[in-house]
Amino acid sequence: MRFLSNKERKVFNKKWNVKCKRVKEVQLKSCLVYECDDKVWVVKRNDVEFPFLEYVKEPYVVVDNGALPFILKGADVMRPGIVELSEFNKDQIVAVKNMKGLTIAVGLALFSSEEIKTMEKGKVIKTLHYINDEVWRYAKHTQHNA
C-alpha cells in the first residue's frame, strides 16, 4: 500500500474527473486498486485501468438471466446472452447490466456495438471485474470498516 504523491494525485484527479484529497494504491492478488478518500475508485488489471463497478453506467450491454450465473463467476460475455446494447467502440470499457438495469460487471469491448449487432455467437466482452470478485469483496470490506 502507498499513497500517491501530490503530483500523482493531481494527475489521477484530472484523469478520472474527481477531487480526491488523498489517493491510496493497494496491491491485491490479481490487480491494483486506487482508493479515492477511502473508497475504491479505479482498478488496474493487466495494464487496463477502469472504474470500480458501481461507477460504470454507460456504455452498456444488458444480458439475459441465463448469462448471469456465468458472468458472476468471471466468464466473458457471449453474444447470445446480450438482449440490449448501447453504442460503443472496440476496446471501450462497458457496463454489463442485468435485465433490471443493475451493473453486475465491467468489461472490455472486443468488438464495436455495430459489429456485435451483426454477430450471432462468440465472445464479445472480456469481463474485467464483477460483483463478488476480489475487488468487490475488498471494497465492501473497506467501506464497512471505514
N, C-alpha and C. Protein backbone atom coordinates (compact mmCIF):
# COMPACT_ATOMS: atom_id res chain seq x y z
N MET A 1 0.84 -1.18 0.00
CA MET A 1 0.00 0.00 0.00
C MET A 1 0.89 1.24 0.00
N ARG A 2 0.48 2.24 -0.75
CA ARG A 2 1.18 3.51 -0.74
C ARG A 2 0.21 4.62 -1.10
N PHE A 3 0.48 5.80 -0.63
CA PHE A 3 -0.31 6.97 -1.02
C PHE A 3 0.37 7.64 -2.19
N LEU A 4 -0.41 8.11 -3.15
CA LEU A 4 0.14 8.82 -4.29
C LEU A 4 0.67 10.18 -3.84
N SER A 5 1.73 10.62 -4.48
CA SER A 5 2.28 11.94 -4.19
C SER A 5 1.27 13.00 -4.63
N ASN A 6 1.48 14.24 -4.21
CA ASN A 6 0.59 15.32 -4.62
C ASN A 6 0.52 15.44 -6.14
N LYS A 7 1.66 15.30 -6.80
CA LYS A 7 1.70 15.38 -8.26
C LYS A 7 0.89 14.24 -8.88
N GLU A 8 1.12 13.02 -8.40
CA GLU A 8 0.39 11.85 -8.90
C GLU A 8 -1.12 12.00 -8.64
N ARG A 9 -1.45 12.51 -7.46
CA ARG A 9 -2.86 12.70 -7.11
C ARG A 9 -3.54 13.69 -8.05
N LYS A 10 -2.85 14.76 -8.39
CA LYS A 10 -3.42 15.75 -9.32
C LYS A 10 -3.68 15.13 -10.69
N VAL A 11 -2.75 14.30 -11.16
CA VAL A 11 -2.93 13.60 -12.44
C VAL A 11 -4.13 12.65 -12.34
N PHE A 12 -4.22 11.91 -11.25
CA PHE A 12 -5.33 10.98 -11.02
C PHE A 12 -6.66 11.75 -11.04
N ASN A 13 -6.73 12.83 -10.29
CA ASN A 13 -7.97 13.63 -10.21
C ASN A 13 -8.40 14.13 -11.58
N LYS A 14 -7.44 14.61 -12.35
CA LYS A 14 -7.76 15.12 -13.68
C LYS A 14 -8.22 13.99 -14.60
N LYS A 15 -7.49 12.89 -14.59
CA LYS A 15 -7.82 11.76 -15.47
C LYS A 15 -9.21 11.19 -15.19
N TRP A 16 -9.55 11.08 -13.90
CA TRP A 16 -10.82 10.44 -13.52
C TRP A 16 -11.90 11.47 -13.15
N ASN A 17 -11.61 12.74 -13.33
CA ASN A 17 -12.57 13.81 -13.10
C ASN A 17 -13.15 13.74 -11.67
N VAL A 18 -12.25 13.65 -10.70
CA VAL A 18 -12.63 13.59 -9.29
C VAL A 18 -11.82 14.63 -8.51
N LYS A 19 -12.15 14.80 -7.24
CA LYS A 19 -11.43 15.74 -6.38
C LYS A 19 -11.03 15.03 -5.09
N CYS A 20 -10.14 14.06 -5.23
CA CYS A 20 -9.69 13.30 -4.07
C CYS A 20 -8.66 14.09 -3.28
N LYS A 21 -8.81 14.07 -1.97
CA LYS A 21 -7.82 14.70 -1.10
C LYS A 21 -6.62 13.79 -0.91
N ARG A 22 -6.86 12.48 -0.97
CA ARG A 22 -5.77 11.52 -0.91
C ARG A 22 -6.15 10.29 -1.71
N VAL A 23 -5.15 9.72 -2.35
CA VAL A 23 -5.35 8.52 -3.18
C VAL A 23 -4.38 7.45 -2.70
N LYS A 24 -4.94 6.31 -2.37
CA LYS A 24 -4.14 5.19 -1.88
C LYS A 24 -4.13 4.10 -2.95
N GLU A 25 -2.94 3.57 -3.22
CA GLU A 25 -2.77 2.46 -4.16
C GLU A 25 -2.58 1.19 -3.35
N VAL A 26 -3.40 0.17 -3.61
CA VAL A 26 -3.34 -1.08 -2.85
C VAL A 26 -3.18 -2.24 -3.82
N GLN A 27 -2.19 -3.09 -3.57
CA GLN A 27 -1.98 -4.28 -4.40
C GLN A 27 -2.84 -5.42 -3.86
N LEU A 28 -3.73 -5.93 -4.69
CA LEU A 28 -4.48 -7.14 -4.36
C LEU A 28 -3.81 -8.30 -5.10
N LYS A 29 -4.35 -9.47 -4.96
CA LYS A 29 -3.73 -10.65 -5.58
C LYS A 29 -3.65 -10.51 -7.10
N SER A 30 -4.73 -10.05 -7.74
CA SER A 30 -4.78 -10.04 -9.20
C SER A 30 -4.74 -8.66 -9.85
N CYS A 31 -4.66 -7.59 -9.04
CA CYS A 31 -4.74 -6.25 -9.62
C CYS A 31 -4.34 -5.20 -8.60
N LEU A 32 -4.30 -3.96 -9.06
CA LEU A 32 -4.12 -2.80 -8.19
C LEU A 32 -5.47 -2.10 -8.06
N VAL A 33 -5.74 -1.56 -6.89
CA VAL A 33 -6.92 -0.71 -6.73
C VAL A 33 -6.45 0.64 -6.22
N TYR A 34 -7.17 1.67 -6.62
CA TYR A 34 -6.89 3.02 -6.18
C TYR A 34 -8.09 3.52 -5.41
N GLU A 35 -7.86 3.90 -4.16
CA GLU A 35 -8.91 4.41 -3.31
C GLU A 35 -8.86 5.93 -3.31
N CYS A 36 -10.00 6.53 -3.57
CA CYS A 36 -10.16 7.98 -3.53
C CYS A 36 -10.85 8.29 -2.21
N ASP A 37 -10.12 8.90 -1.29
CA ASP A 37 -10.68 9.22 0.03
C ASP A 37 -11.40 8.02 0.66
N ASP A 38 -10.69 6.90 0.67
CA ASP A 38 -11.14 5.65 1.31
C ASP A 38 -12.24 4.90 0.57
N LYS A 39 -12.52 5.24 -0.68
CA LYS A 39 -13.48 4.47 -1.47
C LYS A 39 -12.78 3.96 -2.72
N VAL A 40 -12.91 2.67 -3.00
CA VAL A 40 -12.30 2.11 -4.20
C VAL A 40 -12.89 2.82 -5.41
N TRP A 41 -12.02 3.37 -6.24
CA TRP A 41 -12.48 4.17 -7.37
C TRP A 41 -12.05 3.58 -8.70
N VAL A 42 -10.78 3.15 -8.78
CA VAL A 42 -10.22 2.67 -10.04
C VAL A 42 -9.51 1.34 -9.80
N VAL A 43 -9.59 0.48 -10.81
CA VAL A 43 -8.91 -0.81 -10.77
C VAL A 43 -7.95 -0.86 -11.96
N LYS A 44 -6.78 -1.44 -11.75
CA LYS A 44 -5.82 -1.63 -12.84
C LYS A 44 -5.46 -3.10 -12.89
N ARG A 45 -5.82 -3.74 -14.02
CA ARG A 45 -5.54 -5.16 -14.21
C ARG A 45 -4.94 -5.33 -15.60
N ASN A 46 -3.79 -5.96 -15.66
CA ASN A 46 -3.11 -6.20 -16.95
C ASN A 46 -2.98 -4.92 -17.77
N ASP A 47 -2.55 -3.84 -17.13
CA ASP A 47 -2.35 -2.54 -17.78
C ASP A 47 -3.63 -1.88 -18.29
N VAL A 48 -4.78 -2.41 -17.92
CA VAL A 48 -6.06 -1.78 -18.28
C VAL A 48 -6.62 -1.14 -17.02
N GLU A 49 -6.90 0.16 -17.09
CA GLU A 49 -7.50 0.88 -15.97
C GLU A 49 -8.98 1.09 -16.25
N PHE A 50 -9.79 0.90 -15.22
CA PHE A 50 -11.22 1.06 -15.37
C PHE A 50 -11.83 1.41 -14.03
N PRO A 51 -12.98 2.10 -14.04
CA PRO A 51 -13.63 2.47 -12.78
C PRO A 51 -14.19 1.25 -12.05
N PHE A 52 -14.29 1.39 -10.73
CA PHE A 52 -14.97 0.38 -9.92
C PHE A 52 -16.39 0.21 -10.43
N LEU A 53 -16.88 -0.98 -10.36
CA LEU A 53 -18.17 -1.38 -10.91
C LEU A 53 -19.32 -0.41 -10.64
N GLU A 54 -19.42 0.11 -9.45
CA GLU A 54 -20.54 0.99 -9.10
C GLU A 54 -20.56 2.30 -9.88
N TYR A 55 -19.43 2.66 -10.48
CA TYR A 55 -19.34 3.95 -11.18
C TYR A 55 -19.48 3.83 -12.69
N VAL A 56 -19.69 2.63 -13.21
CA VAL A 56 -19.80 2.44 -14.65
C VAL A 56 -21.27 2.25 -15.00
N LYS A 57 -21.82 3.19 -15.74
CA LYS A 57 -23.23 3.13 -16.14
C LYS A 57 -23.38 3.02 -17.66
N GLU A 58 -22.51 3.69 -18.40
CA GLU A 58 -22.56 3.70 -19.86
C GLU A 58 -21.15 3.70 -20.41
N PRO A 59 -20.95 3.23 -21.61
CA PRO A 59 -21.90 2.46 -22.41
C PRO A 59 -22.19 1.13 -21.73
N TYR A 60 -23.14 0.39 -22.26
CA TYR A 60 -23.57 -0.82 -21.57
C TYR A 60 -24.07 -1.90 -22.52
N VAL A 61 -24.12 -3.11 -21.98
CA VAL A 61 -24.87 -4.21 -22.58
C VAL A 61 -25.77 -4.76 -21.49
N VAL A 62 -26.92 -5.25 -21.88
CA VAL A 62 -27.84 -5.91 -20.96
C VAL A 62 -27.83 -7.39 -21.32
N VAL A 63 -27.66 -8.24 -20.31
CA VAL A 63 -27.63 -9.68 -20.54
C VAL A 63 -28.88 -10.35 -19.97
N ASP A 64 -29.23 -11.48 -20.56
CA ASP A 64 -30.39 -12.22 -20.08
C ASP A 64 -30.06 -12.98 -18.81
N ASN A 65 -31.08 -13.48 -18.14
CA ASN A 65 -30.90 -14.16 -16.86
C ASN A 65 -30.06 -15.43 -16.97
N GLY A 66 -30.07 -16.07 -18.14
CA GLY A 66 -29.28 -17.28 -18.33
C GLY A 66 -27.78 -17.01 -18.28
N ALA A 67 -27.36 -15.80 -18.65
CA ALA A 67 -25.93 -15.46 -18.65
C ALA A 67 -25.42 -15.07 -17.27
N LEU A 68 -26.32 -14.63 -16.38
CA LEU A 68 -25.91 -14.09 -15.07
C LEU A 68 -25.00 -15.01 -14.25
N PRO A 69 -25.37 -16.28 -14.04
CA PRO A 69 -24.51 -17.10 -13.17
C PRO A 69 -23.10 -17.26 -13.71
N PHE A 70 -22.94 -17.26 -15.02
CA PHE A 70 -21.62 -17.41 -15.61
C PHE A 70 -20.79 -16.14 -15.46
N ILE A 71 -21.41 -15.00 -15.75
CA ILE A 71 -20.71 -13.71 -15.62
C ILE A 71 -20.33 -13.45 -14.18
N LEU A 72 -21.20 -13.83 -13.25
CA LEU A 72 -20.92 -13.61 -11.82
C LEU A 72 -19.87 -14.58 -11.26
N LYS A 73 -19.35 -15.44 -12.13
CA LYS A 73 -18.20 -16.28 -11.78
C LYS A 73 -16.98 -15.87 -12.60
N GLY A 74 -17.11 -14.76 -13.36
CA GLY A 74 -15.97 -14.24 -14.10
C GLY A 74 -15.94 -14.57 -15.57
N ALA A 75 -16.95 -15.26 -16.08
CA ALA A 75 -16.96 -15.61 -17.51
C ALA A 75 -17.12 -14.36 -18.36
N ASP A 76 -16.58 -14.43 -19.56
CA ASP A 76 -16.74 -13.33 -20.50
C ASP A 76 -18.16 -13.34 -21.05
N VAL A 77 -18.59 -12.21 -21.62
CA VAL A 77 -19.94 -12.08 -22.15
C VAL A 77 -19.96 -12.60 -23.58
N MET A 78 -20.87 -13.53 -23.81
CA MET A 78 -21.03 -14.13 -25.13
C MET A 78 -22.19 -13.44 -25.86
N ARG A 79 -22.12 -13.38 -27.16
CA ARG A 79 -23.12 -12.67 -27.95
C ARG A 79 -24.55 -13.16 -27.70
N PRO A 80 -24.81 -14.48 -27.62
CA PRO A 80 -26.20 -14.90 -27.44
C PRO A 80 -26.86 -14.40 -26.15
N GLY A 81 -26.07 -14.07 -25.13
CA GLY A 81 -26.64 -13.61 -23.87
C GLY A 81 -27.05 -12.15 -23.85
N ILE A 82 -26.68 -11.39 -24.87
CA ILE A 82 -26.98 -9.96 -24.90
C ILE A 82 -28.37 -9.72 -25.47
N VAL A 83 -29.19 -8.95 -24.72
CA VAL A 83 -30.55 -8.63 -25.18
C VAL A 83 -30.70 -7.16 -25.56
N GLU A 84 -29.73 -6.33 -25.16
CA GLU A 84 -29.78 -4.89 -25.47
C GLU A 84 -28.36 -4.34 -25.35
N LEU A 85 -28.05 -3.31 -26.13
CA LEU A 85 -26.75 -2.67 -26.01
C LEU A 85 -26.82 -1.23 -26.49
N SER A 86 -25.97 -0.39 -25.90
CA SER A 86 -25.85 1.00 -26.33
C SER A 86 -24.73 1.08 -27.36
N GLU A 87 -24.42 2.27 -27.81
CA GLU A 87 -23.36 2.46 -28.79
C GLU A 87 -22.00 2.53 -28.08
N PHE A 88 -21.01 1.80 -28.61
CA PHE A 88 -19.64 1.87 -28.08
C PHE A 88 -18.67 1.37 -29.14
N ASN A 89 -17.41 1.67 -28.89
CA ASN A 89 -16.33 1.27 -29.79
C ASN A 89 -15.60 0.06 -29.25
N LYS A 90 -14.87 -0.61 -30.12
CA LYS A 90 -13.99 -1.69 -29.71
C LYS A 90 -12.98 -1.12 -28.70
N ASP A 91 -12.61 -1.92 -27.70
CA ASP A 91 -11.64 -1.56 -26.66
C ASP A 91 -12.16 -0.53 -25.68
N GLN A 92 -13.45 -0.26 -25.68
CA GLN A 92 -14.03 0.67 -24.72
C GLN A 92 -14.49 -0.11 -23.49
N ILE A 93 -14.43 0.53 -22.31
CA ILE A 93 -14.92 -0.08 -21.08
C ILE A 93 -16.46 -0.01 -21.11
N VAL A 94 -17.09 -1.15 -20.78
CA VAL A 94 -18.54 -1.29 -20.91
C VAL A 94 -19.13 -1.84 -19.61
N ALA A 95 -20.26 -1.29 -19.18
CA ALA A 95 -21.01 -1.84 -18.06
C ALA A 95 -21.81 -3.03 -18.56
N VAL A 96 -21.81 -4.10 -17.78
CA VAL A 96 -22.64 -5.27 -18.08
C VAL A 96 -23.77 -5.23 -17.06
N LYS A 97 -25.00 -5.11 -17.55
CA LYS A 97 -26.16 -4.95 -16.66
C LYS A 97 -27.09 -6.15 -16.76
N ASN A 98 -27.80 -6.39 -15.65
CA ASN A 98 -28.85 -7.40 -15.69
C ASN A 98 -30.12 -6.77 -16.27
N MET A 99 -31.17 -7.54 -16.40
CA MET A 99 -32.38 -7.05 -17.05
C MET A 99 -33.13 -6.03 -16.19
N LYS A 100 -32.74 -5.86 -14.93
CA LYS A 100 -33.32 -4.83 -14.08
C LYS A 100 -32.51 -3.54 -14.12
N GLY A 101 -31.40 -3.52 -14.88
CA GLY A 101 -30.58 -2.32 -15.03
C GLY A 101 -29.45 -2.18 -14.03
N LEU A 102 -29.21 -3.20 -13.20
CA LEU A 102 -28.13 -3.16 -12.22
C LEU A 102 -26.81 -3.55 -12.90
N THR A 103 -25.77 -2.76 -12.70
CA THR A 103 -24.45 -3.11 -13.24
C THR A 103 -23.90 -4.26 -12.42
N ILE A 104 -23.64 -5.38 -13.10
CA ILE A 104 -23.14 -6.58 -12.43
C ILE A 104 -21.68 -6.86 -12.75
N ALA A 105 -21.17 -6.20 -13.80
CA ALA A 105 -19.78 -6.43 -14.21
C ALA A 105 -19.30 -5.26 -15.06
N VAL A 106 -17.98 -5.21 -15.22
CA VAL A 106 -17.34 -4.24 -16.09
C VAL A 106 -16.48 -5.04 -17.05
N GLY A 107 -16.55 -4.68 -18.32
CA GLY A 107 -15.78 -5.42 -19.30
C GLY A 107 -15.16 -4.55 -20.36
N LEU A 108 -14.33 -5.17 -21.17
CA LEU A 108 -13.67 -4.51 -22.29
C LEU A 108 -14.30 -5.02 -23.57
N ALA A 109 -14.80 -4.10 -24.39
CA ALA A 109 -15.46 -4.49 -25.64
C ALA A 109 -14.43 -5.06 -26.62
N LEU A 110 -14.66 -6.27 -27.06
CA LEU A 110 -13.77 -6.90 -28.03
C LEU A 110 -14.15 -6.53 -29.47
N PHE A 111 -15.36 -5.98 -29.61
CA PHE A 111 -15.88 -5.51 -30.90
C PHE A 111 -16.69 -4.24 -30.64
N SER A 112 -16.95 -3.47 -31.67
CA SER A 112 -17.84 -2.32 -31.53
C SER A 112 -19.27 -2.81 -31.41
N SER A 113 -20.16 -1.95 -30.90
CA SER A 113 -21.57 -2.31 -30.79
C SER A 113 -22.16 -2.62 -32.16
N GLU A 114 -21.73 -1.90 -33.19
CA GLU A 114 -22.23 -2.15 -34.55
C GLU A 114 -21.84 -3.55 -35.01
N GLU A 115 -20.61 -3.96 -34.72
CA GLU A 115 -20.16 -5.30 -35.09
C GLU A 115 -20.94 -6.36 -34.32
N ILE A 116 -21.14 -6.12 -33.02
CA ILE A 116 -21.84 -7.09 -32.18
C ILE A 116 -23.26 -7.32 -32.68
N LYS A 117 -23.92 -6.25 -33.13
CA LYS A 117 -25.29 -6.37 -33.64
C LYS A 117 -25.38 -7.34 -34.81
N THR A 118 -24.32 -7.49 -35.58
CA THR A 118 -24.34 -8.38 -36.75
C THR A 118 -23.92 -9.80 -36.41
N MET A 119 -23.44 -10.02 -35.19
CA MET A 119 -22.93 -11.34 -34.79
C MET A 119 -24.05 -12.19 -34.19
N GLU A 120 -23.88 -13.50 -34.32
CA GLU A 120 -24.83 -14.43 -33.70
C GLU A 120 -24.21 -15.20 -32.55
N LYS A 121 -22.88 -15.34 -32.54
CA LYS A 121 -22.22 -16.11 -31.49
C LYS A 121 -20.83 -15.54 -31.24
N GLY A 122 -20.20 -16.05 -30.19
CA GLY A 122 -18.83 -15.67 -29.87
C GLY A 122 -18.71 -14.77 -28.66
N LYS A 123 -17.48 -14.67 -28.16
CA LYS A 123 -17.15 -13.82 -27.02
C LYS A 123 -17.08 -12.39 -27.53
N VAL A 124 -17.79 -11.46 -26.84
CA VAL A 124 -17.83 -10.07 -27.31
C VAL A 124 -17.36 -9.05 -26.26
N ILE A 125 -17.43 -9.41 -24.97
CA ILE A 125 -16.97 -8.54 -23.90
C ILE A 125 -16.07 -9.36 -22.98
N LYS A 126 -14.84 -8.88 -22.76
CA LYS A 126 -13.91 -9.51 -21.83
C LYS A 126 -14.23 -8.98 -20.43
N THR A 127 -14.67 -9.84 -19.53
CA THR A 127 -15.02 -9.43 -18.18
C THR A 127 -13.76 -9.11 -17.39
N LEU A 128 -13.74 -7.90 -16.80
CA LEU A 128 -12.59 -7.43 -16.03
C LEU A 128 -12.86 -7.41 -14.52
N HIS A 129 -14.12 -7.21 -14.16
CA HIS A 129 -14.49 -7.01 -12.74
C HIS A 129 -15.98 -7.30 -12.63
N TYR A 130 -16.38 -7.99 -11.56
CA TYR A 130 -17.79 -8.37 -11.40
C TYR A 130 -18.16 -8.43 -9.92
N ILE A 131 -19.45 -8.41 -9.67
CA ILE A 131 -19.95 -8.48 -8.30
C ILE A 131 -19.41 -9.73 -7.62
N ASN A 132 -18.89 -9.54 -6.43
CA ASN A 132 -18.36 -10.59 -5.56
C ASN A 132 -16.99 -11.11 -5.96
N ASP A 133 -16.29 -10.41 -6.86
CA ASP A 133 -14.92 -10.81 -7.15
C ASP A 133 -14.00 -10.23 -6.07
N GLU A 134 -12.70 -10.41 -6.24
CA GLU A 134 -11.71 -9.95 -5.25
C GLU A 134 -11.83 -8.45 -4.98
N VAL A 135 -11.98 -7.64 -6.04
CA VAL A 135 -12.07 -6.18 -5.89
C VAL A 135 -13.36 -5.80 -5.16
N TRP A 136 -14.46 -6.42 -5.55
CA TRP A 136 -15.76 -6.15 -4.92
C TRP A 136 -15.71 -6.45 -3.42
N ARG A 137 -15.18 -7.62 -3.08
CA ARG A 137 -15.10 -8.01 -1.66
C ARG A 137 -14.19 -7.07 -0.89
N TYR A 138 -13.07 -6.68 -1.48
CA TYR A 138 -12.15 -5.74 -0.83
C TYR A 138 -12.88 -4.39 -0.59
N ALA A 139 -13.54 -3.89 -1.61
CA ALA A 139 -14.23 -2.59 -1.49
C ALA A 139 -15.30 -2.64 -0.43
N LYS A 140 -16.08 -3.69 -0.41
CA LYS A 140 -17.16 -3.81 0.58
C LYS A 140 -16.60 -3.94 1.99
N HIS A 141 -15.48 -4.64 2.12
CA HIS A 141 -14.84 -4.81 3.43
C HIS A 141 -14.28 -3.46 3.92
N THR A 142 -13.60 -2.71 3.05
CA THR A 142 -13.01 -1.45 3.47
C THR A 142 -14.08 -0.40 3.76
N GLN A 143 -15.17 -0.39 2.98
CA GLN A 143 -16.25 0.57 3.23
C GLN A 143 -16.94 0.26 4.54
N HIS A 144 -17.08 -1.01 4.83
CA HIS A 144 -17.73 -1.44 6.07
C HIS A 144 -16.89 -1.05 7.29
N ASN A 145 -15.56 -1.10 7.12
CA ASN A 145 -14.67 -0.79 8.24
C ASN A 145 -14.22 0.66 8.29
N ALA A 146 -14.67 1.46 7.34
CA ALA A 146 -14.22 2.87 7.30
C ALA A 146 -14.92 3.70 8.35
